[in-house]
Amino acid sequence: MNKKSMQVNEKEKKLIELIRNIEYGDLKIVVQDKNPIRVEEIKKSIKL
């Protein structure tokens, strides 16, 4: 099996750190040109 090593850029490092630091919840990740641009954390969800 062929394994390639991947380079992680600064935005990807920040995204991984954010994911590891969140205790629970939902995140929306906005990607542009194969890179994470923005993360939106959903603050409120109301179940009826």
Protein backbone atom coordinates (compact mmCIF):
# COMPACT_ATOMS: atom_id res chain seq x y z
CA MET A 1 0.00 0.00 0.00
CA ASN A 2 1.29 3.44 -0.96
CA LYS A 3 1.29 6.04 1.83
CA LYS A 4 1.90 9.69 1.03
CA SER A 5 2.89 12.18 3.69
CA MET A 6 0.73 15.28 3.78
CA GLN A 7 1.81 18.79 4.61
CA VAL A 8 -0.54 20.64 6.96
CA ASN A 9 -0.77 24.41 6.47
CA GLU A 10 -1.33 26.97 9.24
CA LYS A 11 -5.11 27.22 8.75
CA GLU A 12 -5.43 23.44 8.94
CA LYS A 13 -3.40 23.42 12.17
CA LYS A 14 -5.74 26.04 13.65
CA LEU A 15 -8.77 23.99 12.56
CA ILE A 16 -7.42 20.83 14.21
CA GLU A 17 -6.66 22.76 17.40
CA LEU A 18 -10.18 24.23 17.43
CA ILE A 19 -11.77 20.79 16.96
CA ARG A 20 -9.67 19.29 19.76
CA ASN A 21 -10.56 22.13 22.15
CA ILE A 22 -14.33 22.05 21.65
CA GLU A 23 -16.09 19.93 24.27
CA TYR A 24 -19.20 19.27 22.21
CA GLY A 25 -21.32 20.90 19.53
CA ASP A 26 -21.64 21.40 15.81
CA LEU A 27 -19.20 23.15 13.52
CA LYS A 28 -19.68 24.32 9.95
CA ILE A 29 -16.40 24.53 8.04
CA VAL A 30 -16.26 26.78 4.98
CA VAL A 31 -13.72 25.57 2.41
CA GLN A 32 -12.37 27.55 -0.54
CA ASP A 33 -9.68 26.35 -2.95
CA LYS A 34 -9.18 23.17 -0.85
CA ASN A 35 -8.43 25.21 2.30
CA PRO A 36 -10.53 25.90 5.39
CA ILE A 37 -11.47 29.57 5.33
CA ARG A 38 -13.94 29.95 8.19
CA VAL A 39 -15.47 27.88 10.98
CA GLU A 40 -18.93 28.62 12.29
CA GLU A 41 -19.90 27.21 15.67
CA ILE A 42 -23.63 26.67 16.04
CA LYS A 43 -24.64 28.26 19.34
CA LYS A 44 -28.31 27.44 19.57
CA SER A 45 -30.51 24.65 18.30
CA ILE A 46 -34.14 24.39 19.27
CA LYS A 47 -35.90 21.03 19.02
CA LEU A 48 -39.69 21.28 18.84
